[in-house]
Amino acid sequence: MKQRTFIWLDDIRVPNKSYIASLKCNDCKVIWLDSYDSFVNYIEEYGLPDVISFDHDLGEFGESERNGFTAAKFLVNYCIDHDLPLPDYYCHSANPIGKENILGLLNNFKKSYQW
């Protein structure tokens, strides 16, 4: 049986083992990605993981700010382009507005897109 993969997208915090365990993903291989670019590169090279947990603020600011929300938008577009369902997703961000935006985007896509 293939080992499940879990992406932890966060530029500062190390993957939280108790949080991951609470998602029933103790057996998952945890991939810690710390930027939008590393997230995009991983998915383009290896495909979708089984589970993703997003942080919103990834330390990139300015006009080309790339954060957890832009990573979630990339994920939605990747799923559309490849006709794939979203993997399981969560958001561990301490930014309440950013968290709401990420989960709102993913929840709305999941409700509206039929596989």
PDB file of N, CA and C in Angstrom:
ATOM      1  N   MET A   1       0.840  -1.184   0.000  1.00  0.00           N
ATOM      2  CA  MET A   1       0.000   0.000   0.000  1.00  0.00           C
ATOM      3  C   MET A   1       0.892   1.258   0.000  1.00  0.00           C
ATOM      4  N   LYS A   2       0.559   2.211  -0.851  1.00  0.00           N
ATOM      5  CA  LYS A   2       1.322   3.446  -0.983  1.00  0.00           C
ATOM      6  C   LYS A   2       1.157   4.311   0.267  1.00  0.00           C
ATOM      7  N   GLN A   3       2.267   4.863   0.735  1.00  0.00           N
ATOM      8  CA  GLN A   3       2.213   5.751   1.889  1.00  0.00           C
ATOM      9  C   GLN A   3       1.548   7.067   1.499  1.00  0.00           C
ATOM     10  N   ARG A   4       0.644   7.539   2.332  1.00  0.00           N
ATOM     11  CA  ARG A   4      -0.028   8.809   2.085  1.00  0.00           C
ATOM     12  C   ARG A   4       0.932   9.963   2.331  1.00  0.00           C
ATOM     13  N   THR A   5       0.748  11.056   1.583  1.00  0.00           N
ATOM     14  CA  THR A   5       1.592  12.232   1.734  1.00  0.00           C
ATOM     15  C   THR A   5       0.795  13.407   2.289  1.00  0.00           C
ATOM     16  N   PHE A   6       1.445  14.172   3.123  1.00  0.00           N
ATOM     17  CA  PHE A   6       0.857  15.328   3.787  1.00  0.00           C
ATOM     18  C   PHE A   6       1.775  16.524   3.545  1.00  0.00           C
ATOM     19  N   ILE A   7       1.259  17.560   2.893  1.00  0.00           N
ATOM     20  CA  ILE A   7       2.030  18.792   2.709  1.00  0.00           C
ATOM     21  C   ILE A   7       1.680  19.763   3.820  1.00  0.00           C
ATOM     22  N   TRP A   8       2.720  20.227   4.494  1.00  0.00           N
ATOM     23  CA  TRP A   8       2.621  21.275   5.514  1.00  0.00           C
ATOM     24  C   TRP A   8       3.213  22.526   4.883  1.00  0.00           C
ATOM     25  N   LEU A   9       2.371  23.482   4.502  1.00  0.00           N
ATOM     26  CA  LEU A   9       2.832  24.710   3.852  1.00  0.00           C
ATOM     27  C   LEU A   9       2.941  25.813   4.896  1.00  0.00           C
ATOM     28  N   ASP A  10       4.163  26.146   5.284  1.00  0.00           N
ATOM     29  CA  ASP A  10       4.401  27.157   6.321  1.00  0.00           C
ATOM     30  C   ASP A  10       5.853  27.602   6.236  1.00  0.00           C
ATOM     31  N   ASP A  11       6.088  28.895   6.271  1.00  0.00           N
ATOM     32  CA  ASP A  11       7.464  29.396   6.148  1.00  0.00           C
ATOM     33  C   ASP A  11       8.233  29.401   7.461  1.00  0.00           C
ATOM     34  N   ILE A  12       7.557  29.283   8.591  1.00  0.00           N
ATOM     35  CA  ILE A  12       8.231  29.392   9.880  1.00  0.00           C
ATOM     36  C   ILE A  12       8.019  28.161  10.771  1.00  0.00           C
ATOM     37  N   ARG A  13       6.777  27.795  10.953  1.00  0.00           N
ATOM     38  CA  ARG A  13       6.468  26.722  11.911  1.00  0.00           C
ATOM     39  C   ARG A  13       6.775  25.351  11.338  1.00  0.00           C
ATOM     40  N   VAL A  14       7.447  24.545  12.154  1.00  0.00           N
ATOM     41  CA  VAL A  14       7.714  23.157  11.762  1.00  0.00           C
ATOM     42  C   VAL A  14       6.397  22.391  11.817  1.00  0.00           C
ATOM     43  N   PRO A  15       6.291  21.316  11.053  1.00  0.00           N
ATOM     44  CA  PRO A  15       5.051  20.532  11.080  1.00  0.00           C
ATOM     45  C   PRO A  15       4.699  20.106  12.499  1.00  0.00           C
ATOM     46  N   ASN A  16       3.485  20.364  12.889  1.00  0.00           N
ATOM     47  CA  ASN A  16       2.995  20.082  14.232  1.00  0.00           C
ATOM     48  C   ASN A  16       2.482  18.643  14.294  1.00  0.00           C
ATOM     49  N   LYS A  17       3.230  17.783  14.997  1.00  0.00           N
ATOM     50  CA  LYS A  17       2.891  16.361  15.032  1.00  0.00           C
ATOM     51  C   LYS A  17       1.533  16.091  15.657  1.00  0.00           C
ATOM     52  N   SER A  18       1.173  16.812  16.726  1.00  0.00           N
ATOM     53  CA  SER A  18      -0.131  16.559  17.353  1.00  0.00           C
ATOM     54  C   SER A  18      -1.277  17.014  16.443  1.00  0.00           C
ATOM     55  N   TYR A  19      -1.082  18.108  15.714  1.00  0.00           N
ATOM     56  CA  TYR A  19      -2.080  18.579  14.755  1.00  0.00           C
ATOM     57  C   TYR A  19      -2.261  17.544  13.641  1.00  0.00           C
ATOM     58  N   ILE A  20      -1.152  17.050  13.109  1.00  0.00           N
ATOM     59  CA  ILE A  20      -1.212  16.053  12.041  1.00  0.00           C
ATOM     60  C   ILE A  20      -1.879  14.777  12.542  1.00  0.00           C
ATOM     61  N   ALA A  21      -1.564  14.379  13.766  1.00  0.00           N
ATOM     62  CA  ALA A  21      -2.190  13.194  14.353  1.00  0.00           C
ATOM     63  C   ALA A  21      -3.690  13.399  14.516  1.00  0.00           C
ATOM     64  N   SER A  22      -4.106  14.618  14.851  1.00  0.00           N
ATOM     65  CA  SER A  22      -5.539  14.887  15.022  1.00  0.00           C
ATOM     66  C   SER A  22      -6.303  14.748  13.708  1.00  0.00           C
ATOM     67  N   LEU A  23      -5.586  14.843  12.588  1.00  0.00           N
ATOM     68  CA  LEU A  23      -6.204  14.682  11.268  1.00  0.00           C
ATOM     69  C   LEU A  23      -6.148  13.227  10.800  1.00  0.00           C
ATOM     70  N   LYS A  24      -5.757  12.349  11.713  1.00  0.00           N
ATOM     71  CA  LYS A  24      -5.648  10.915  11.423  1.00  0.00           C
ATOM     72  C   LYS A  24      -4.672  10.662  10.281  1.00  0.00           C
ATOM     73  N   CYS A  25      -3.543  11.344  10.365  1.00  0.00           N
ATOM     74  CA  CYS A  25      -2.529  11.201   9.324  1.00  0.00           C
ATOM     75  C   CYS A  25      -1.178  10.820   9.932  1.00  0.00           C
ATOM     76  N   ASN A  26      -1.213  10.040  11.024  1.00  0.00           N
ATOM     77  CA  ASN A  26       0.024   9.595  11.680  1.00  0.00           C
ATOM     78  C   ASN A  26       0.921   8.830  10.719  1.00  0.00           C
ATOM     79  N   ASP A  27       0.317   8.090   9.816  1.00  0.00           N
ATOM     80  CA  ASP A  27       1.084   7.251   8.895  1.00  0.00           C
ATOM     81  C   ASP A  27       1.545   8.000   7.644  1.00  0.00           C
ATOM     82  N   CYS A  28       1.232   9.282   7.559  1.00  0.00           N
ATOM     83  CA  CYS A  28       1.571  10.062   6.366  1.00  0.00           C
ATOM     84  C   CYS A  28       3.045  10.461   6.345  1.00  0.00           C
ATOM     85  N   LYS A  29       3.592  10.516   5.143  1.00  0.00           N
ATOM     86  CA  LYS A  29       4.905  11.107   4.935  1.00  0.00           C
ATOM     87  C   LYS A  29       4.689  12.614   4.886  1.00  0.00           C
ATOM     88  N   VAL A  30       5.325  13.353   5.794  1.00  0.00           N
ATOM     89  CA  VAL A  30       5.123  14.797   5.887  1.00  0.00           C
ATOM     90  C   VAL A  30       6.173  15.516   5.036  1.00  0.00           C
ATOM     91  N   ILE A  31       5.686  16.369   4.146  1.00  0.00           N
ATOM     92  CA  ILE A  31       6.533  17.188   3.286  1.00  0.00           C
ATOM     93  C   ILE A  31       6.358  18.636   3.742  1.00  0.00           C
ATOM     94  N   TRP A  32       7.427  19.224   4.285  1.00  0.00           N
ATOM     95  CA  TRP A  32       7.361  20.610   4.746  1.00  0.00           C
ATOM     96  C   TRP A  32       7.823  21.520   3.621  1.00  0.00           C
ATOM     97  N   LEU A  33       6.911  22.339   3.127  1.00  0.00           N
ATOM     98  CA  LEU A  33       7.210  23.314   2.080  1.00  0.00           C
ATOM     99  C   LEU A  33       7.057  24.705   2.681  1.00  0.00           C
ATOM    100  N   ASP A  34       8.012  25.602   2.380  1.00  0.00           N
ATOM    101  CA  ASP A  34       8.015  26.892   3.069  1.00  0.00           C
ATOM    102  C   ASP A  34       7.719  28.096   2.184  1.00  0.00           C
ATOM    103  N   SER A  35       7.308  27.860   0.941  1.00  0.00           N
ATOM    104  CA  SER A  35       7.021  28.990   0.054  1.00  0.00           C
ATOM    105  C   SER A  35       6.023  28.577  -1.026  1.00  0.00           C
ATOM    106  N   TYR A  36       5.456  29.584  -1.651  1.00  0.00           N
ATOM    107  CA  TYR A  36       4.564  29.352  -2.784  1.00  0.00           C
ATOM    108  C   TYR A  36       5.299  28.584  -3.877  1.00  0.00           C
ATOM    109  N   ASP A  37       6.520  29.020  -4.203  1.00  0.00           N
ATOM    110  CA  ASP A  37       7.279  28.371  -5.277  1.00  0.00           C
ATOM    111  C   ASP A  37       7.553  26.900  -4.975  1.00  0.00           C
ATOM    112  N   SER A  38       7.929  26.589  -3.746  1.00  0.00           N
ATOM    113  CA  SER A  38       8.200  25.185  -3.412  1.00  0.00           C
ATOM    114  C   SER A  38       6.922  24.354  -3.490  1.00  0.00           C
ATOM    115  N   PHE A  39       5.778  24.956  -3.148  1.00  0.00           N
ATOM    116  CA  PHE A  39       4.488  24.279  -3.246  1.00  0.00           C
ATOM    117  C   PHE A  39       4.164  23.952  -4.703  1.00  0.00           C
ATOM    118  N   VAL A  40       4.280  24.957  -5.562  1.00  0.00           N
ATOM    119  CA  VAL A  40       3.999  24.774  -6.989  1.00  0.00           C
ATOM    120  C   VAL A  40       4.958  23.741  -7.592  1.00  0.00           C
ATOM    121  N   ASN A  41       6.239  23.883  -7.295  1.00  0.00           N
ATOM    122  CA  ASN A  41       7.230  22.949  -7.837  1.00  0.00           C
ATOM    123  C   ASN A  41       6.955  21.513  -7.404  1.00  0.00           C
ATOM    124  N   TYR A  42       6.591  21.318  -6.139  1.00  0.00           N
ATOM    125  CA  TYR A  42       6.312  19.965  -5.650  1.00  0.00           C
ATOM    126  C   TYR A  42       5.130  19.355  -6.406  1.00  0.00           C
ATOM    127  N   ILE A  43       4.047  20.101  -6.511  1.00  0.00           N
ATOM    128  CA  ILE A  43       2.838  19.567  -7.162  1.00  0.00           C
ATOM    129  C   ILE A  43       3.094  19.302  -8.642  1.00  0.00           C
ATOM    130  N   GLU A  44       3.807  20.205  -9.297  1.00  0.00           N
ATOM    131  CA  GLU A  44       4.100  19.984 -10.716  1.00  0.00           C
ATOM    132  C   GLU A  44       5.011  18.777 -10.934  1.00  0.00           C
ATOM    133  N   GLU A  45       5.888  18.493  -9.991  1.00  0.00           N
ATOM    134  CA  GLU A  45       6.793  17.359 -10.145  1.00  0.00           C
ATOM    135  C   GLU A  45       6.196  16.033  -9.673  1.00  0.00           C
ATOM    136  N   TYR A  46       5.480  16.056  -8.549  1.00  0.00           N
ATOM    137  CA  TYR A  46       5.008  14.802  -7.942  1.00  0.00           C
ATOM    138  C   TYR A  46       3.494  14.613  -7.987  1.00  0.00           C
ATOM    139  N   GLY A  47       2.757  15.626  -8.379  1.00  0.00           N
ATOM    140  CA  GLY A  47       1.302  15.534  -8.379  1.00  0.00           C
ATOM    141  C   GLY A  47       0.728  15.881  -7.020  1.00  0.00           C
ATOM    142  N   LEU A  48      -0.551  15.633  -6.883  1.00  0.00           N
ATOM    143  CA  LEU A  48      -1.249  16.017  -5.658  1.00  0.00           C
ATOM    144  C   LEU A  48      -0.893  15.098  -4.495  1.00  0.00           C
ATOM    145  N   PRO A  49      -0.755  15.691  -3.307  1.00  0.00           N
ATOM    146  CA  PRO A  49      -0.604  14.877  -2.113  1.00  0.00           C
ATOM    147  C   PRO A  49      -1.981  14.396  -1.658  1.00  0.00           C
ATOM    148  N   ASP A  50      -2.014  13.639  -0.600  1.00  0.00           N
ATOM    149  CA  ASP A  50      -3.296  13.188  -0.049  1.00  0.00           C
ATOM    150  C   ASP A  50      -3.938  14.254   0.834  1.00  0.00           C
ATOM    151  N   VAL A  51      -3.089  15.024   1.526  1.00  0.00           N
ATOM    152  CA  VAL A  51      -3.564  16.025   2.490  1.00  0.00           C
ATOM    153  C   VAL A  51      -2.658  17.252   2.406  1.00  0.00           C
ATOM    154  N   ILE A  52      -3.273  18.442   2.562  1.00  0.00           N
ATOM    155  CA  ILE A  52      -2.513  19.695   2.617  1.00  0.00           C
ATOM    156  C   ILE A  52      -3.034  20.516   3.782  1.00  0.00           C
ATOM    157  N   SER A  53      -2.112  21.138   4.531  1.00  0.00           N
ATOM    158  CA  SER A  53      -2.505  22.130   5.525  1.00  0.00           C
ATOM    159  C   SER A  53      -1.792  23.430   5.179  1.00  0.00           C
ATOM    160  N   PHE A  54      -2.564  24.490   5.039  1.00  0.00           N
ATOM    161  CA  PHE A  54      -2.072  25.784   4.580  1.00  0.00           C
ATOM    162  C   PHE A  54      -1.832  26.752   5.728  1.00  0.00           C
ATOM    163  N   ASP A  55      -0.733  27.497   5.635  1.00  0.00           N
ATOM    164  CA  ASP A  55      -0.558  28.737   6.380  1.00  0.00           C
ATOM    165  C   ASP A  55      -0.847  29.834   5.371  1.00  0.00           C
ATOM    166  N   HIS A  56      -1.315  30.980   5.822  1.00  0.00           N
ATOM    167  CA  HIS A  56      -1.577  32.067   4.882  1.00  0.00           C
ATOM    168  C   HIS A  56      -0.325  32.887   4.611  1.00  0.00           C
ATOM    169  N   ASP A  57       0.299  33.382   5.651  1.00  0.00           N
ATOM    170  CA  ASP A  57       1.427  34.302   5.497  1.00  0.00           C
ATOM    171  C   ASP A  57       2.715  33.514   5.292  1.00  0.00           C
ATOM    172  N   LEU A  58       3.292  33.651   4.112  1.00  0.00           N
ATOM    173  CA  LEU A  58       4.500  32.902   3.769  1.00  0.00           C
ATOM    174  C   LEU A  58       5.727  33.795   3.623  1.00  0.00           C
ATOM    175  N   GLY A  59       5.678  34.994   4.202  1.00  0.00           N
ATOM    176  CA  GLY A  59       6.842  35.866   4.219  1.00  0.00           C
ATOM    177  C   GLY A  59       7.146  36.573   2.923  1.00  0.00           C
ATOM    178  N   GLU A  60       6.263  36.505   1.951  1.00  0.00           N
ATOM    179  CA  GLU A  60       6.479  37.195   0.676  1.00  0.00           C
ATOM    180  C   GLU A  60       5.526  38.384   0.602  1.00  0.00           C
ATOM    181  N   PHE A  61       6.080  39.576   0.488  1.00  0.00           N
ATOM    182  CA  PHE A  61       5.260  40.782   0.498  1.00  0.00           C
ATOM    183  C   PHE A  61       5.545  41.624  -0.740  1.00  0.00           C
ATOM    184  N   GLY A  62       4.716  42.621  -0.955  1.00  0.00           N
ATOM    185  CA  GLY A  62       4.897  43.502  -2.109  1.00  0.00           C
ATOM    186  C   GLY A  62       3.846  43.217  -3.159  1.00  0.00           C
ATOM    187  N   GLU A  63       4.080  43.760  -4.353  1.00  0.00           N
ATOM    188  CA  GLU A  63       3.110  43.633  -5.430  1.00  0.00           C
ATOM    189  C   GLU A  63       2.887  42.184  -5.853  1.00  0.00           C
ATOM    190  N   SER A  64       3.931  41.380  -5.801  1.00  0.00           N
ATOM    191  CA  SER A  64       3.795  39.986  -6.247  1.00  0.00           C
ATOM    192  C   SER A  64       3.645  39.044  -5.054  1.00  0.00           C
ATOM    193  N   GLU A  65       2.971  39.521  -4.012  1.00  0.00           N
ATOM    194  CA  GLU A  65       2.805  38.712  -2.803  1.00  0.00           C
ATOM    195  C   GLU A  65       2.244  37.335  -3.152  1.00  0.00           C
ATOM    196  N   ARG A  66       2.936  36.336  -2.721  1.00  0.00           N
ATOM    197  CA  ARG A  66       2.481  34.961  -2.909  1.00  0.00           C
ATOM    198  C   ARG A  66       2.372  34.339  -1.529  1.00  0.00           C
ATOM    199  N   ASN A  67       1.193  33.864  -1.222  1.00  0.00           N
ATOM    200  CA  ASN A  67       0.922  33.375   0.120  1.00  0.00           C
ATOM    201  C   ASN A  67       0.095  32.089   0.037  1.00  0.00           C
ATOM    202  N   GLY A  68      -0.440  31.666   1.165  1.00  0.00           N
ATOM    203  CA  GLY A  68      -1.253  30.457   1.186  1.00  0.00           C
ATOM    204  C   GLY A  68      -2.492  30.568   0.315  1.00  0.00           C
ATOM    205  N   PHE A  69      -3.053  31.761   0.221  1.00  0.00           N
ATOM    206  CA  PHE A  69      -4.229  31.935  -0.628  1.00  0.00           C
ATOM    207  C   PHE A  69      -3.866  31.773  -2.102  1.00  0.00           C
ATOM    208  N   THR A  70      -2.746  32.346  -2.531  1.00  0.00           N
ATOM    209  CA  THR A  70      -2.342  32.172  -3.931  1.00  0.00           C
ATOM    210  C   THR A  70      -1.955  30.717  -4.193  1.00  0.00           C
ATOM    211  N   ALA A  71      -1.429  30.027  -3.181  1.00  0.00           N
ATOM    212  CA  ALA A  71      -1.151  28.591  -3.324  1.00  0.00           C
ATOM    213  C   ALA A  71      -2.455  27.815  -3.480  1.00  0.00           C
ATOM    214  N   ALA A  72      -3.479  28.197  -2.722  1.00  0.00           N
ATOM    215  CA  ALA A  72      -4.787  27.538  -2.845  1.00  0.00           C
ATOM    216  C   ALA A  72      -5.390  27.789  -4.227  1.00  0.00           C
ATOM    217  N   LYS A  73      -5.219  29.006  -4.759  1.00  0.00           N
ATOM    218  CA  LYS A  73      -5.705  29.295  -6.118  1.00  0.00           C
ATOM    219  C   LYS A  73      -4.963  28.440  -7.147  1.00  0.00           C
ATOM    220  N   PHE A  74      -3.653  28.296  -6.973  1.00  0.00           N
ATOM    221  CA  PHE A  74      -2.894  27.415  -7.868  1.00  0.00           C
ATOM    222  C   PHE A  74      -3.458  25.992  -7.791  1.00  0.00           C
ATOM    223  N   LEU A  75      -3.721  25.516  -6.590  1.00  0.00           N
ATOM    224  CA  LEU A  75      -4.252  24.163  -6.399  1.00  0.00           C
ATOM    225  C   LEU A  75      -5.580  23.980  -7.130  1.00  0.00           C
ATOM    226  N   VAL A  76      -6.474  24.941  -7.001  1.00  0.00           N
ATOM    227  CA  VAL A  76      -7.767  24.869  -7.685  1.00  0.00           C
ATOM    228  C   VAL A  76      -7.548  24.800  -9.202  1.00  0.00           C
ATOM    229  N   ASN A  77      -6.703  25.659  -9.735  1.00  0.00           N
ATOM    230  CA  ASN A  77      -6.446  25.653 -11.178  1.00  0.00           C
ATOM    231  C   ASN A  77      -5.789  24.356 -11.629  1.00  0.00           C
ATOM    232  N   TYR A  78      -4.895  23.820 -10.822  1.00  0.00           N
ATOM    233  CA  TYR A  78      -4.249  22.544 -11.151  1.00  0.00           C
ATOM    234  C   TYR A  78      -5.304  21.430 -11.219  1.00  0.00           C
ATOM    235  N   CYS A  79      -6.203  21.416 -10.262  1.00  0.00           N
ATOM    236  CA  CYS A  79      -7.266  20.394 -10.256  1.00  0.00           C
ATOM    237  C   CYS A  79      -8.180  20.534 -11.466  1.00  0.00           C
ATOM    238  N   ILE A  80      -8.519  21.755 -11.827  1.00  0.00           N
ATOM    239  CA  ILE A  80      -9.351  21.985 -13.012  1.00  0.00           C
ATOM    240  C   ILE A  80      -8.614  21.509 -14.266  1.00  0.00           C
ATOM    241  N   ASP A  81      -7.353  21.930 -14.412  1.00  0.00           N
ATOM    242  CA  ASP A  81      -6.575  21.592 -15.606  1.00  0.00           C
ATOM    243  C   ASP A  81      -6.356  20.094 -15.771  1.00  0.00           C
ATOM    244  N   HIS A  82      -6.283  19.375 -14.661  1.00  0.00           N
ATOM    245  CA  HIS A  82      -6.008  17.931 -14.714  1.00  0.00           C
ATOM    246  C   HIS A  82      -7.235  17.083 -14.383  1.00  0.00           C
ATOM    247  N   ASP A  83      -8.387  17.737 -14.249  1.00  0.00           N
ATOM    248  CA  ASP A  83      -9.652  17.067 -13.936  1.00  0.00           C
ATOM    249  C   ASP A  83      -9.495  16.141 -12.717  1.00  0.00           C
ATOM    250  N   LEU A  84      -8.996  16.724 -11.628  1.00  0.00           N
ATOM    251  CA  LEU A  84      -8.750  15.977 -10.394  1.00  0.00           C
ATOM    252  C   LEU A  84      -9.534  16.580  -9.242  1.00  0.00           C
ATOM    253  N   PRO A  85      -9.959  15.751  -8.308  1.00  0.00           N
ATOM    254  CA  PRO A  85     -10.599  16.297  -7.103  1.00  0.00           C
ATOM    255  C   PRO A  85      -9.541  16.892  -6.171  1.00  0.00           C
ATOM    256  N   LEU A  86      -9.973  17.816  -5.332  1.00  0.00           N
ATOM    257  CA  LEU A  86      -9.064  18.377  -4.341  1.00  0.00           C
ATOM    258  C   LEU A  86      -8.620  17.289  -3.364  1.00  0.00           C
ATOM    259  N   PRO A  87      -7.379  17.365  -2.912  1.00  0.00           N
ATOM    260  CA  PRO A  87      -6.998  16.494  -1.804  1.00  0.00           C
ATOM    261  C   PRO A  87      -7.681  17.006  -0.527  1.00  0.00           C
ATOM    262  N   ASP A  88      -7.618  16.237   0.545  1.00  0.00           N
ATOM    263  CA  ASP A  88      -8.111  16.749   1.819  1.00  0.00           C
ATOM    264  C   ASP A  88      -7.304  17.992   2.162  1.00  0.00           C
ATOM    265  N   TYR A  89      -7.930  18.987   2.762  1.00  0.00           N
ATOM    266  CA  TYR A  89      -7.235  20.236   3.047  1.00  0.00           C
ATOM    267  C   TYR A  89      -7.672  20.804   4.384  1.00  0.00           C
ATOM    268  N   TYR A  90      -6.755  21.536   4.981  1.00  0.00           N
ATOM    269  CA  TYR A  90      -6.974  22.208   6.259  1.00  0.00           C
ATOM    270  C   TYR A  90      -6.199  23.511   6.209  1.00  0.00           C
ATOM    271  N   CYS A  91      -6.431  24.357   7.181  1.00  0.00           N
ATOM    272  CA  CYS A  91      -5.693  25.608   7.263  1.00  0.00           C
ATOM    273  C   CYS A  91      -5.322  25.840   8.724  1.00  0.00           C
ATOM    274  N   HIS A  92      -4.036  25.883   9.007  1.00  0.00           N
ATOM    275  CA  HIS A  92      -3.541  26.097  10.365  1.00  0.00           C
ATOM    276  C   HIS A  92      -3.075  27.536  10.587  1.00  0.00           C
ATOM    277  N   SER A  93      -3.398  28.441   9.681  1.00  0.00           N
ATOM    278  CA  SER A  93      -2.943  29.821   9.752  1.00  0.00           C
ATOM    279  C   SER A  93      -3.495  30.540  10.983  1.00  0.00           C
ATOM    280  N   ALA A  94      -2.658  31.378  11.578  1.00  0.00           N
ATOM    281  CA  ALA A  94      -3.089  32.232  12.690  1.00  0.00           C
ATOM    282  C   ALA A  94      -3.723  33.529  12.177  1.00  0.00           C
ATOM    283  N   ASN A  95      -3.704  33.741  10.871  1.00  0.00           N
ATOM    284  CA  ASN A  95      -4.297  34.932  10.259  1.00  0.00           C
ATOM    285  C   ASN A  95      -5.770  34.607   9.982  1.00  0.00           C
ATOM    286  N   PRO A  96      -6.699  35.159  10.776  1.00  0.00           N
ATOM    287  CA  PRO A  96      -8.107  34.754  10.630  1.00  0.00           C
ATOM    288  C   PRO A  96      -8.721  35.112   9.280  1.00  0.00           C
ATOM    289  N   ILE A  97      -8.372  36.261   8.719  1.00  0.00           N
ATOM    290  CA  ILE A  97      -8.915  36.656   7.412  1.00  0.00           C
ATOM    291  C   ILE A  97      -8.325  35.759   6.324  1.00  0.00           C
ATOM    292  N   GLY A  98      -7.014  35.546   6.385  1.00  0.00           N
ATOM    293  CA  GLY A  98      -6.360  34.678   5.413  1.00  0.00           C
ATOM    294  C   GLY A  98      -6.912  33.260   5.467  1.00  0.00           C
ATOM    295  N   LYS A  99      -7.113  32.754   6.679  1.00  0.00           N
ATOM    296  CA  LYS A  99      -7.666  31.406   6.860  1.00  0.00           C
ATOM    297  C   LYS A  99      -9.062  31.313   6.247  1.00  0.00           C
ATOM    298  N   GLU A 100      -9.890  32.316   6.528  1.00  0.00           N
ATOM    299  CA  GLU A 100     -11.244  32.351   5.971  1.00  0.00           C
ATOM    300  C   GLU A 100     -11.221  32.386   4.441  1.00  0.00           C
ATOM    301  N   ASN A 101     -10.305  33.151   3.871  1.00  0.00           N
ATOM    302  CA  ASN A 101     -10.201  33.245   2.409  1.00  0.00           C
ATOM    303  C   ASN A 101      -9.783  31.908   1.787  1.00  0.00           C
ATOM    304  N   ILE A 102      -8.789  31.250   2.384  1.00  0.00           N
ATOM    305  CA  ILE A 102      -8.323  29.962   1.861  1.00  0.00           C
ATOM    306  C   ILE A 102      -9.427  28.931   1.923  1.00  0.00           C
ATOM    307  N   LEU A 103     -10.027  28.786   3.100  1.00  0.00           N
ATOM    308  CA  LEU A 103     -11.076  27.766   3.253  1.00  0.00           C
ATOM    309  C   LEU A 103     -12.309  28.097   2.428  1.00  0.00           C
ATOM    310  N   GLY A 104     -12.647  29.378   2.310  1.00  0.00           N
ATOM    311  CA  GLY A 104     -13.782  29.772   1.481  1.00  0.00           C
ATOM    312  C   GLY A 104     -13.573  29.396   0.025  1.00  0.00           C
ATOM    313  N   LEU A 105     -12.394  29.691  -0.507  1.00  0.00           N
ATOM    314  CA  LEU A 105     -12.071  29.345  -1.897  1.00  0.00           C
ATOM    315  C   LEU A 105     -12.168  27.834  -2.115  1.00  0.00           C
ATOM    316  N   LEU A 106     -11.506  27.070  -1.255  1.00  0.00           N
ATOM    317  CA  LEU A 106     -11.473  25.614  -1.435  1.00  0.00           C
ATOM    318  C   LEU A 106     -12.848  24.983  -1.217  1.00  0.00           C
ATOM    319  N   ASN A 107     -13.574  25.441  -0.199  1.00  0.00           N
ATOM    320  CA  ASN A 107     -14.914  24.896   0.049  1.00  0.00           C
ATOM    321  C   ASN A 107     -15.866  25.203  -1.110  1.00  0.00           C
ATOM    322  N   ASN A 108     -15.804  26.425  -1.627  1.00  0.00           N
ATOM    323  CA  ASN A 108     -16.673  26.782  -2.756  1.00  0.00           C
ATOM    324  C   ASN A 108     -16.329  25.978  -4.001  1.00  0.00           C
ATOM    325  N   PHE A 109     -15.043  25.789  -4.254  1.00  0.00           N
ATOM    326  CA  PHE A 109     -14.646  24.988  -5.410  1.00  0.00           C
ATOM    327  C   PHE A 109     -15.133  23.547  -5.243  1.00  0.00           C
ATOM    328  N   LYS A 110     -14.944  23.001  -4.071  1.00  0.00           N
ATOM    329  CA  LYS A 110     -15.342  21.612  -3.817  1.00  0.00           C
ATOM    330  C   LYS A 110     -16.852  21.428  -4.018  1.00  0.00           C
ATOM    331  N   LYS A 111     -17.632  22.422  -3.598  1.00  0.00           N
ATOM    332  CA  LYS A 111     -19.091  22.342  -3.750  1.00  0.00           C
ATOM    333  C   LYS A 111     -19.545  22.491  -5.194  1.00  0.00           C
ATOM    334  N   SER A 112     -18.822  23.298  -5.965  1.00  0.00           N
ATOM    335  CA  SER A 112     -19.310  23.631  -7.303  1.00  0.00           C
ATOM    336  C   SER A 112     -18.734  22.767  -8.414  1.00  0.00           C
ATOM    337  N   TYR A 113     -17.625  22.113  -8.182  1.00  0.00           N
ATOM    338  CA  TYR A 113     -16.988  21.342  -9.241  1.00  0.00           C
ATOM    339  C   TYR A 113     -17.355  19.880  -9.110  1.00  0.00           C
ATOM    340  N   GLN A 114     -17.808  19.283 -10.171  1.00  0.00           N
ATOM    341  CA  GLN A 114     -18.242  17.875 -10.159  1.00  0.00           C
ATOM    342  C   GLN A 114     -17.195  17.004 -10.829  1.00  0.00           C
ATOM    343  N   TRP A 115     -16.833  15.895 -10.194  1.00  0.00           N
ATOM    344  CA  TRP A 115     -15.892  14.946 -10.795  1.00  0.00           C
ATOM    345  C   TRP A 115     -16.618  13.758 -11.334  1.00  0.00           C
TER     346      TRP A 115
END
